[in-house]
């Protein structure tokens, strides 16, 4: 599996709008997913929380496996769990498309990350993190990596060339419906300036009134939950999010 590449006339890869099914009607989950794809979604974002790494408990691999029987959609799975190496095989068996894990969790906690400017192993990164990336890919999934808002984005640099996507959290992970953190756009700008072909996803508080900031910073994959599922016209919101990113991508290439 490979994500579409950046094309001429854009400063970033193709736009991907990924509605977060955390905001859907769980009693009608398969129908909700089908509806999002019909309305123009590129991916479906699945927020997995273990009640330990973050203070909430949500969807797991059995739900993804059940959904896969009802949709061919790209399942964009974000693991907010203490031990992401424990679960990748279950999600591979469930036919998840992308497995995105937290550096803080894979590295063994915040102490390991504080051990040096680029992690405990210096510029080479932490071996356990590299091992997990390789294992996720060997299992047949794409691999993403992310950090919490207070974790420096520079700590991701040893891994960027190995992953398919970096997710920039624009809220503290754990619950939907939180307010967008504009300061997190500095992380997006940092990554985009160095990696024009990198998929950079943003998640948290994305809506019509915040999308311009994310688009201008260089994001190309947009997660939105309540802004889409709670809208009177979800199709229009998806189109608005896409238009903002596409316009920024073209403008950036022209500079």
C-alpha atoms as a PDB file:
ATOM      1  CA  UNK A   1       0.000   0.000   0.000  1.00  0.00           C
ATOM      2  CA  UNK A   2       1.249   3.475  -0.835  1.00  0.00           C
ATOM      3  CA  UNK A   3      -0.257   6.922  -0.435  1.00  0.00           C
ATOM      4  CA  UNK A   4      -0.643   9.135  -3.516  1.00  0.00           C
ATOM      5  CA  UNK A   5       2.362  11.376  -4.087  1.00  0.00           C
ATOM      6  CA  UNK A   6       2.635  15.138  -4.418  1.00  0.00           C
ATOM      7  CA  UNK A   7       1.837  16.387  -7.930  1.00  0.00           C
ATOM      8  CA  UNK A   8       3.121  19.371  -9.905  1.00  0.00           C
ATOM      9  CA  UNK A   9       1.603  22.669  -8.870  1.00  0.00           C
ATOM     10  CA  UNK A  10       1.239  21.749  -5.184  1.00  0.00           C
ATOM     11  CA  UNK A  11       3.605  22.288  -2.267  1.00  0.00           C
ATOM     12  CA  UNK A  12       2.296  19.209  -0.408  1.00  0.00           C
ATOM     13  CA  UNK A  13       0.709  15.799  -1.100  1.00  0.00           C
ATOM     14  CA  UNK A  14      -2.985  15.413  -2.041  1.00  0.00           C
ATOM     15  CA  UNK A  15      -5.623  16.610   0.395  1.00  0.00           C
ATOM     16  CA  UNK A  16      -7.256  13.954   2.562  1.00  0.00           C
ATOM     17  CA  UNK A  17     -10.324  14.763   4.645  1.00  0.00           C
ATOM     18  CA  UNK A  18     -10.738  12.235   7.460  1.00  0.00           C
ATOM     19  CA  UNK A  19     -13.961  12.550   9.502  1.00  0.00           C
ATOM     20  CA  UNK A  20     -13.470  11.229  13.025  1.00  0.00           C
ATOM     21  CA  UNK A  21     -16.051   8.551  13.703  1.00  0.00           C
ATOM     22  CA  UNK A  22     -15.658   9.287  17.420  1.00  0.00           C
ATOM     23  CA  UNK A  23     -18.321  11.949  16.754  1.00  0.00           C
ATOM     24  CA  UNK A  24     -20.676   9.617  14.883  1.00  0.00           C
ATOM     25  CA  UNK A  25     -23.790   7.819  16.061  1.00  0.00           C
ATOM     26  CA  UNK A  26     -22.264   4.559  17.321  1.00  0.00           C
ATOM     27  CA  UNK A  27     -25.614   2.782  17.041  1.00  0.00           C
ATOM     28  CA  UNK A  28     -25.424   3.343  13.266  1.00  0.00           C
ATOM     29  CA  UNK A  29     -21.668   3.183  12.798  1.00  0.00           C
ATOM     30  CA  UNK A  30     -21.519   1.334   9.469  1.00  0.00           C
ATOM     31  CA  UNK A  31     -24.199   3.604   8.000  1.00  0.00           C
ATOM     32  CA  UNK A  32     -22.421   6.686   9.324  1.00  0.00           C
ATOM     33  CA  UNK A  33     -19.154   5.604   7.702  1.00  0.00           C
ATOM     34  CA  UNK A  34     -20.870   4.930   4.392  1.00  0.00           C
ATOM     35  CA  UNK A  35     -22.543   8.338   4.608  1.00  0.00           C
ATOM     36  CA  UNK A  36     -19.229  10.122   5.156  1.00  0.00           C
ATOM     37  CA  UNK A  37     -17.651   8.451   2.134  1.00  0.00           C
ATOM     38  CA  UNK A  38     -20.713   9.280   0.025  1.00  0.00           C
ATOM     39  CA  UNK A  39     -20.456  12.926   1.123  1.00  0.00           C
ATOM     40  CA  UNK A  40     -16.829  13.177  -0.020  1.00  0.00           C
ATOM     41  CA  UNK A  41     -14.573  11.921   2.783  1.00  0.00           C
ATOM     42  CA  UNK A  42     -11.246  10.448   1.676  1.00  0.00           C
ATOM     43  CA  UNK A  43     -10.475   8.564   4.901  1.00  0.00           C
ATOM     44  CA  UNK A  44     -12.294   7.569   8.076  1.00  0.00           C
ATOM     45  CA  UNK A  45     -10.463   8.442  11.288  1.00  0.00           C
ATOM     46  CA  UNK A  46     -10.675   5.879  14.089  1.00  0.00           C
ATOM     47  CA  UNK A  47      -9.598   7.183  17.511  1.00  0.00           C
ATOM     48  CA  UNK A  48      -8.474   4.297  19.727  1.00  0.00           C
ATOM     49  CA  UNK A  49      -8.087   5.156  23.430  1.00  0.00           C
ATOM     50  CA  UNK A  50      -7.213   2.728  26.227  1.00  0.00           C
ATOM     51  CA  UNK A  51      -8.261   4.713  29.291  1.00  0.00           C
ATOM     52  CA  UNK A  52      -4.636   4.762  30.464  1.00  0.00           C
ATOM     53  CA  UNK A  53      -2.477   6.720  28.005  1.00  0.00           C
ATOM     54  CA  UNK A  54      -5.401   9.135  27.739  1.00  0.00           C
ATOM     55  CA  UNK A  55      -8.376   9.464  30.109  1.00  0.00           C
ATOM     56  CA  UNK A  56     -10.981   7.975  27.815  1.00  0.00           C
ATOM     57  CA  UNK A  57     -11.973   4.539  26.500  1.00  0.00           C
ATOM     58  CA  UNK A  58     -13.144   4.136  22.914  1.00  0.00           C
ATOM     59  CA  UNK A  59     -13.007   1.888  19.863  1.00  0.00           C
ATOM     60  CA  UNK A  60     -10.756  -1.143  19.416  1.00  0.00           C
ATOM     61  CA  UNK A  61      -9.703  -3.671  16.805  1.00  0.00           C
ATOM     62  CA  UNK A  62     -12.991  -5.652  16.888  1.00  0.00           C
ATOM     63  CA  UNK A  63     -14.876  -2.526  15.787  1.00  0.00           C
ATOM     64  CA  UNK A  64     -12.416  -1.934  12.946  1.00  0.00           C
ATOM     65  CA  UNK A  65     -12.769  -5.567  11.876  1.00  0.00           C
ATOM     66  CA  UNK A  66     -16.551  -5.242  11.843  1.00  0.00           C
ATOM     67  CA  UNK A  67     -16.421  -1.973   9.912  1.00  0.00           C
ATOM     68  CA  UNK A  68     -14.130  -3.464   7.307  1.00  0.00           C
ATOM     69  CA  UNK A  69     -16.860  -5.926   6.365  1.00  0.00           C
ATOM     70  CA  UNK A  70     -19.071  -2.966   5.467  1.00  0.00           C
ATOM     71  CA  UNK A  71     -16.676  -0.486   3.860  1.00  0.00           C
ATOM     72  CA  UNK A  72     -13.659  -0.461   1.547  1.00  0.00           C
ATOM     73  CA  UNK A  73     -12.735   2.991   2.897  1.00  0.00           C
ATOM     74  CA  UNK A  74      -9.265   3.958   4.074  1.00  0.00           C
ATOM     75  CA  UNK A  75      -9.320   3.392   7.851  1.00  0.00           C
ATOM     76  CA  UNK A  76      -7.036   5.955   9.474  1.00  0.00           C
ATOM     77  CA  UNK A  77      -6.407   4.524  12.958  1.00  0.00           C
ATOM     78  CA  UNK A  78      -4.864   6.673  15.704  1.00  0.00           C
ATOM     79  CA  UNK A  79      -3.630   4.653  18.693  1.00  0.00           C
ATOM     80  CA  UNK A  80      -3.737   6.600  21.951  1.00  0.00           C
ATOM     81  CA  UNK A  81      -2.579   3.649  24.025  1.00  0.00           C
ATOM     82  CA  UNK A  82       0.204   2.934  26.486  1.00  0.00           C
ATOM     83  CA  UNK A  83       1.762   0.042  24.575  1.00  0.00           C
ATOM     84  CA  UNK A  84       1.228   0.437  20.811  1.00  0.00           C
ATOM     85  CA  UNK A  85       3.519  -2.520  20.068  1.00  0.00           C
ATOM     86  CA  UNK A  86       0.969  -4.777  21.754  1.00  0.00           C
ATOM     87  CA  UNK A  87      -1.855  -3.998  19.347  1.00  0.00           C
ATOM     88  CA  UNK A  88      -0.554  -3.613  15.805  1.00  0.00           C
ATOM     89  CA  UNK A  89      -1.084  -7.268  14.903  1.00  0.00           C
ATOM     90  CA  UNK A  90      -4.730  -7.077  15.983  1.00  0.00           C
ATOM     91  CA  UNK A  91      -5.311  -4.018  13.831  1.00  0.00           C
ATOM     92  CA  UNK A  92      -3.479  -5.570  10.901  1.00  0.00           C
ATOM     93  CA  UNK A  93      -5.765  -8.603  11.203  1.00  0.00           C
ATOM     94  CA  UNK A  94      -8.729  -6.206  11.317  1.00  0.00           C
ATOM     95  CA  UNK A  95      -7.494  -4.701   8.008  1.00  0.00           C
ATOM     96  CA  UNK A  96      -6.737  -1.200   9.242  1.00  0.00           C
ATOM     97  CA  UNK A  97      -5.130   0.961   6.563  1.00  0.00           C
ATOM     98  CA  UNK A  98      -2.922   3.261   8.668  1.00  0.00           C
ATOM     99  CA  UNK A  99      -1.586   2.632  12.176  1.00  0.00           C
ATOM    100  CA  UNK A 100      -0.502   5.861  13.865  1.00  0.00           C
ATOM    101  CA  UNK A 101       1.071   5.614  17.313  1.00  0.00           C
ATOM    102  CA  UNK A 102       2.423   8.064  19.886  1.00  0.00           C
ATOM    103  CA  UNK A 103       6.175   8.489  20.158  1.00  0.00           C
ATOM    104  CA  UNK A 104       5.799   9.022  23.906  1.00  0.00           C
ATOM    105  CA  UNK A 105       4.230   5.573  24.298  1.00  0.00           C
ATOM    106  CA  UNK A 106       6.548   3.668  21.961  1.00  0.00           C
ATOM    107  CA  UNK A 107       9.640   5.264  23.503  1.00  0.00           C
ATOM    108  CA  UNK A 108       8.741   4.005  26.959  1.00  0.00           C
ATOM    109  CA  UNK A 109       7.482   7.253  28.425  1.00  0.00           C
ATOM    110  CA  UNK A 110       8.454  10.896  28.798  1.00  0.00           C
ATOM    111  CA  UNK A 111      11.676  10.117  30.682  1.00  0.00           C
ATOM    112  CA  UNK A 112      13.137   8.346  27.663  1.00  0.00           C
ATOM    113  CA  UNK A 113      12.279  11.305  25.448  1.00  0.00           C
ATOM    114  CA  UNK A 114      13.921  13.749  27.838  1.00  0.00           C
ATOM    115  CA  UNK A 115      17.175  11.796  27.799  1.00  0.00           C
ATOM    116  CA  UNK A 116      18.562  13.713  24.835  1.00  0.00           C
ATOM    117  CA  UNK A 117      17.790  16.335  22.158  1.00  0.00           C
ATOM    118  CA  UNK A 118      16.545  13.693  19.728  1.00  0.00           C
ATOM    119  CA  UNK A 119      15.586  10.977  22.184  1.00  0.00           C
ATOM    120  CA  UNK A 120      17.548   8.501  24.243  1.00  0.00           C
ATOM    121  CA  UNK A 121      19.527   7.282  21.240  1.00  0.00           C
ATOM    122  CA  UNK A 122      20.430  10.749  19.966  1.00  0.00           C
ATOM    123  CA  UNK A 123      20.020  11.605  16.281  1.00  0.00           C
ATOM    124  CA  UNK A 124      19.559   7.939  15.372  1.00  0.00           C
ATOM    125  CA  UNK A 125      16.399   7.736  17.434  1.00  0.00           C
ATOM    126  CA  UNK A 126      15.171   5.070  19.824  1.00  0.00           C
ATOM    127  CA  UNK A 127      15.537   1.468  18.582  1.00  0.00           C
ATOM    128  CA  UNK A 128      12.146   0.360  19.934  1.00  0.00           C
ATOM    129  CA  UNK A 129      10.421   3.059  17.893  1.00  0.00           C
ATOM    130  CA  UNK A 130      12.220   2.070  14.695  1.00  0.00           C
ATOM    131  CA  UNK A 131      11.349  -1.561  15.399  1.00  0.00           C
ATOM    132  CA  UNK A 132       7.670  -0.760  15.776  1.00  0.00           C
ATOM    133  CA  UNK A 133       7.593   1.218  12.535  1.00  0.00           C
ATOM    134  CA  UNK A 134       9.164  -1.710  10.699  1.00  0.00           C
ATOM    135  CA  UNK A 135       6.765  -4.193  12.306  1.00  0.00           C
ATOM    136  CA  UNK A 136       3.694  -2.138  11.392  1.00  0.00           C
ATOM    137  CA  UNK A 137       4.798  -1.957   7.764  1.00  0.00           C
ATOM    138  CA  UNK A 138       5.693  -5.639   7.660  1.00  0.00           C
ATOM    139  CA  UNK A 139       2.161  -6.375   8.864  1.00  0.00           C
ATOM    140  CA  UNK A 140       0.795  -4.675   5.744  1.00  0.00           C
ATOM    141  CA  UNK A 141      -0.313  -1.318   7.145  1.00  0.00           C
ATOM    142  CA  UNK A 142       0.910   2.187   6.510  1.00  0.00           C
ATOM    143  CA  UNK A 143       2.551   3.735   9.562  1.00  0.00           C
ATOM    144  CA  UNK A 144       2.105   7.138  11.136  1.00  0.00           C
ATOM    145  CA  UNK A 145       3.669   8.707  14.211  1.00  0.00           C
ATOM    146  CA  UNK A 146       2.496  11.507  16.486  1.00  0.00           C
ATOM    147  CA  UNK A 147       3.276  13.394  19.683  1.00  0.00           C
ATOM    148  CA  UNK A 148       1.215  15.199  22.302  1.00  0.00           C
ATOM    149  CA  UNK A 149       1.098  19.017  22.158  1.00  0.00           C
ATOM    150  CA  UNK A 150       3.788  19.501  24.829  1.00  0.00           C
ATOM    151  CA  UNK A 151       6.283  17.152  23.148  1.00  0.00           C
ATOM    152  CA  UNK A 152       8.775  18.955  20.854  1.00  0.00           C
ATOM    153  CA  UNK A 153       8.261  18.126  17.191  1.00  0.00           C
ATOM    154  CA  UNK A 154      12.040  17.836  16.730  1.00  0.00           C
ATOM    155  CA  UNK A 155      11.898  14.507  18.556  1.00  0.00           C
ATOM    156  CA  UNK A 156      10.161  13.063  15.501  1.00  0.00           C
ATOM    157  CA  UNK A 157      13.029  13.806  13.128  1.00  0.00           C
ATOM    158  CA  UNK A 158      14.810  10.432  13.485  1.00  0.00           C
ATOM    159  CA  UNK A 159      11.641   8.693  12.249  1.00  0.00           C
ATOM    160  CA  UNK A 160      10.138  10.960   9.600  1.00  0.00           C
ATOM    161  CA  UNK A 161      11.917   9.293   6.690  1.00  0.00           C
ATOM    162  CA  UNK A 162      10.621   5.889   7.803  1.00  0.00           C
ATOM    163  CA  UNK A 163       6.933   6.662   8.340  1.00  0.00           C
ATOM    164  CA  UNK A 164       4.136   7.445   5.898  1.00  0.00           C
ATOM    165  CA  UNK A 165       2.598  10.272   7.916  1.00  0.00           C
ATOM    166  CA  UNK A 166       3.147  12.554  10.888  1.00  0.00           C
ATOM    167  CA  UNK A 167       0.084  13.528  12.891  1.00  0.00           C
ATOM    168  CA  UNK A 168       0.231  16.879  14.684  1.00  0.00           C
ATOM    169  CA  UNK A 169      -2.200  16.970  17.594  1.00  0.00           C
ATOM    170  CA  UNK A 170      -3.884  20.357  17.845  1.00  0.00           C
ATOM    171  CA  UNK A 171      -5.554  19.453  21.167  1.00  0.00           C
ATOM    172  CA  UNK A 172      -4.601  17.278  24.109  1.00  0.00           C
ATOM    173  CA  UNK A 173      -5.567  13.754  23.023  1.00  0.00           C
ATOM    174  CA  UNK A 174      -8.418  12.052  24.841  1.00  0.00           C
ATOM    175  CA  UNK A 175     -11.727  13.679  23.969  1.00  0.00           C
ATOM    176  CA  UNK A 176     -13.470  15.128  20.946  1.00  0.00           C
ATOM    177  CA  UNK A 177     -14.909  18.620  20.790  1.00  0.00           C
ATOM    178  CA  UNK A 178     -11.875  20.446  22.219  1.00  0.00           C
ATOM    179  CA  UNK A 179     -10.647  23.871  21.116  1.00  0.00           C
ATOM    180  CA  UNK A 180      -7.982  24.182  18.427  1.00  0.00           C
ATOM    181  CA  UNK A 181      -4.482  25.175  19.619  1.00  0.00           C
ATOM    182  CA  UNK A 182      -3.047  27.660  17.062  1.00  0.00           C
ATOM    183  CA  UNK A 183       0.465  27.344  18.540  1.00  0.00           C
ATOM    184  CA  UNK A 184       0.642  23.772  17.216  1.00  0.00           C
ATOM    185  CA  UNK A 185       0.824  25.172  13.680  1.00  0.00           C
ATOM    186  CA  UNK A 186       4.482  25.938  14.323  1.00  0.00           C
ATOM    187  CA  UNK A 187       5.045  22.166  14.325  1.00  0.00           C
ATOM    188  CA  UNK A 188       3.283  21.851  10.977  1.00  0.00           C
ATOM    189  CA  UNK A 189       5.346  24.668   9.460  1.00  0.00           C
ATOM    190  CA  UNK A 190       8.556  23.125  10.802  1.00  0.00           C
ATOM    191  CA  UNK A 191       7.794  19.770   9.191  1.00  0.00           C
ATOM    192  CA  UNK A 192       6.461  21.122   5.890  1.00  0.00           C
ATOM    193  CA  UNK A 193       9.497  23.353   5.367  1.00  0.00           C
ATOM    194  CA  UNK A 194      11.754  20.306   5.598  1.00  0.00           C
ATOM    195  CA  UNK A 195       9.600  17.577   4.056  1.00  0.00           C
ATOM    196  CA  UNK A 196       7.471  18.770   1.122  1.00  0.00           C
ATOM    197  CA  UNK A 197       6.360  15.223   0.288  1.00  0.00           C
ATOM    198  CA  UNK A 198       5.382  14.245   3.824  1.00  0.00           C
ATOM    199  CA  UNK A 199       1.767  13.580   4.739  1.00  0.00           C
ATOM    200  CA  UNK A 200       1.075  15.910   7.659  1.00  0.00           C
ATOM    201  CA  UNK A 201      -2.219  15.327   9.414  1.00  0.00           C
ATOM    202  CA  UNK A 202      -3.787  17.647  11.985  1.00  0.00           C
ATOM    203  CA  UNK A 203      -6.347  16.509  14.530  1.00  0.00           C
ATOM    204  CA  UNK A 204      -8.296  18.507  17.097  1.00  0.00           C
ATOM    205  CA  UNK A 205     -10.660  21.432  16.784  1.00  0.00           C
ATOM    206  CA  UNK A 206     -10.532  21.554  12.979  1.00  0.00           C
ATOM    207  CA  UNK A 207     -13.563  23.319  11.555  1.00  0.00           C
ATOM    208  CA  UNK A 208     -14.421  25.973   8.959  1.00  0.00           C
ATOM    209  CA  UNK A 209     -13.220  28.708  11.322  1.00  0.00           C
ATOM    210  CA  UNK A 210      -9.796  27.092  11.981  1.00  0.00           C
ATOM    211  CA  UNK A 211      -8.991  25.316   8.717  1.00  0.00           C
ATOM    212  CA  UNK A 212      -7.252  28.319   7.170  1.00  0.00           C
ATOM    213  CA  UNK A 213      -4.573  28.246   9.872  1.00  0.00           C
ATOM    214  CA  UNK A 214      -3.880  24.557   9.341  1.00  0.00           C
ATOM    215  CA  UNK A 215      -3.918  24.898   5.568  1.00  0.00           C
ATOM    216  CA  UNK A 216      -1.567  27.881   5.577  1.00  0.00           C
ATOM    217  CA  UNK A 217       0.867  26.046   7.850  1.00  0.00           C
ATOM    218  CA  UNK A 218       1.153  23.151   5.385  1.00  0.00           C
ATOM    219  CA  UNK A 219      -1.202  20.405   6.568  1.00  0.00           C
ATOM    220  CA  UNK A 220      -2.671  18.152   3.894  1.00  0.00           C
ATOM    221  CA  UNK A 221      -4.658  15.594   5.934  1.00  0.00           C
ATOM    222  CA  UNK A 222      -7.485  16.988   8.059  1.00  0.00           C
ATOM    223  CA  UNK A 223      -9.286  15.190  10.874  1.00  0.00           C
ATOM    224  CA  UNK A 224     -12.600  16.729  11.906  1.00  0.00           C
ATOM    225  CA  UNK A 225     -15.246  15.180  14.097  1.00  0.00           C
ATOM    226  CA  UNK A 226     -18.009  17.346  15.531  1.00  0.00           C
ATOM    227  CA  UNK A 227     -17.511  19.992  12.835  1.00  0.00           C
ATOM    228  CA  UNK A 228     -18.575  17.440  10.216  1.00  0.00           C
ATOM    229  CA  UNK A 229     -20.923  15.077  12.043  1.00  0.00           C
ATOM    230  CA  UNK A 230     -22.655  17.919  13.861  1.00  0.00           C
ATOM    231  CA  UNK A 231     -23.130  20.082  10.784  1.00  0.00           C
ATOM    232  CA  UNK A 232     -26.463  20.665   9.110  1.00  0.00           C
ATOM    233  CA  UNK A 233     -24.673  20.096   5.787  1.00  0.00           C
ATOM    234  CA  UNK A 234     -21.673  17.778   6.329  1.00  0.00           C
ATOM    235  CA  UNK A 235     -20.921  17.681   2.606  1.00  0.00           C
ATOM    236  CA  UNK A 236     -20.469  21.446   2.545  1.00  0.00           C
ATOM    237  CA  UNK A 237     -18.082  21.289   5.507  1.00  0.00           C
ATOM    238  CA  UNK A 238     -15.992  18.574   3.855  1.00  0.00           C
ATOM    239  CA  UNK A 239     -15.871  20.650   0.676  1.00  0.00           C
ATOM    240  CA  UNK A 240     -14.868  23.769   2.612  1.00  0.00           C
ATOM    241  CA  UNK A 241     -12.059  21.974   4.418  1.00  0.00           C
ATOM    242  CA  UNK A 242     -10.780  20.525   1.140  1.00  0.00           C
ATOM    243  CA  UNK A 243     -10.984  23.820  -0.718  1.00  0.00           C
ATOM    244  CA  UNK A 244      -8.929  25.603   1.937  1.00  0.00           C
ATOM    245  CA  UNK A 245      -6.133  23.017   1.830  1.00  0.00           C
ATOM    246  CA  UNK A 246      -6.117  22.819  -1.962  1.00  0.00           C
ATOM    247  CA  UNK A 247      -5.944  26.600  -2.310  1.00  0.00           C
ATOM    248  CA  UNK A 248      -3.052  26.813   0.160  1.00  0.00           C
ATOM    249  CA  UNK A 249      -1.216  23.991  -1.621  1.00  0.00           C
ATOM    250  CA  UNK A 250      -1.424  25.783  -4.963  1.00  0.00           C
ATOM    251  CA  UNK A 251      -0.494  29.140  -3.457  1.00  0.00           C
ATOM    252  CA  UNK A 252       2.479  27.608  -1.678  1.00  0.00           C
ATOM    253  CA  UNK A 253       3.788  26.063  -4.895  1.00  0.00           C
ATOM    254  CA  UNK A 254       3.564  29.414  -6.661  1.00  0.00           C
ATOM    255  CA  UNK A 255       5.790  31.193  -4.131  1.00  0.00           C
END
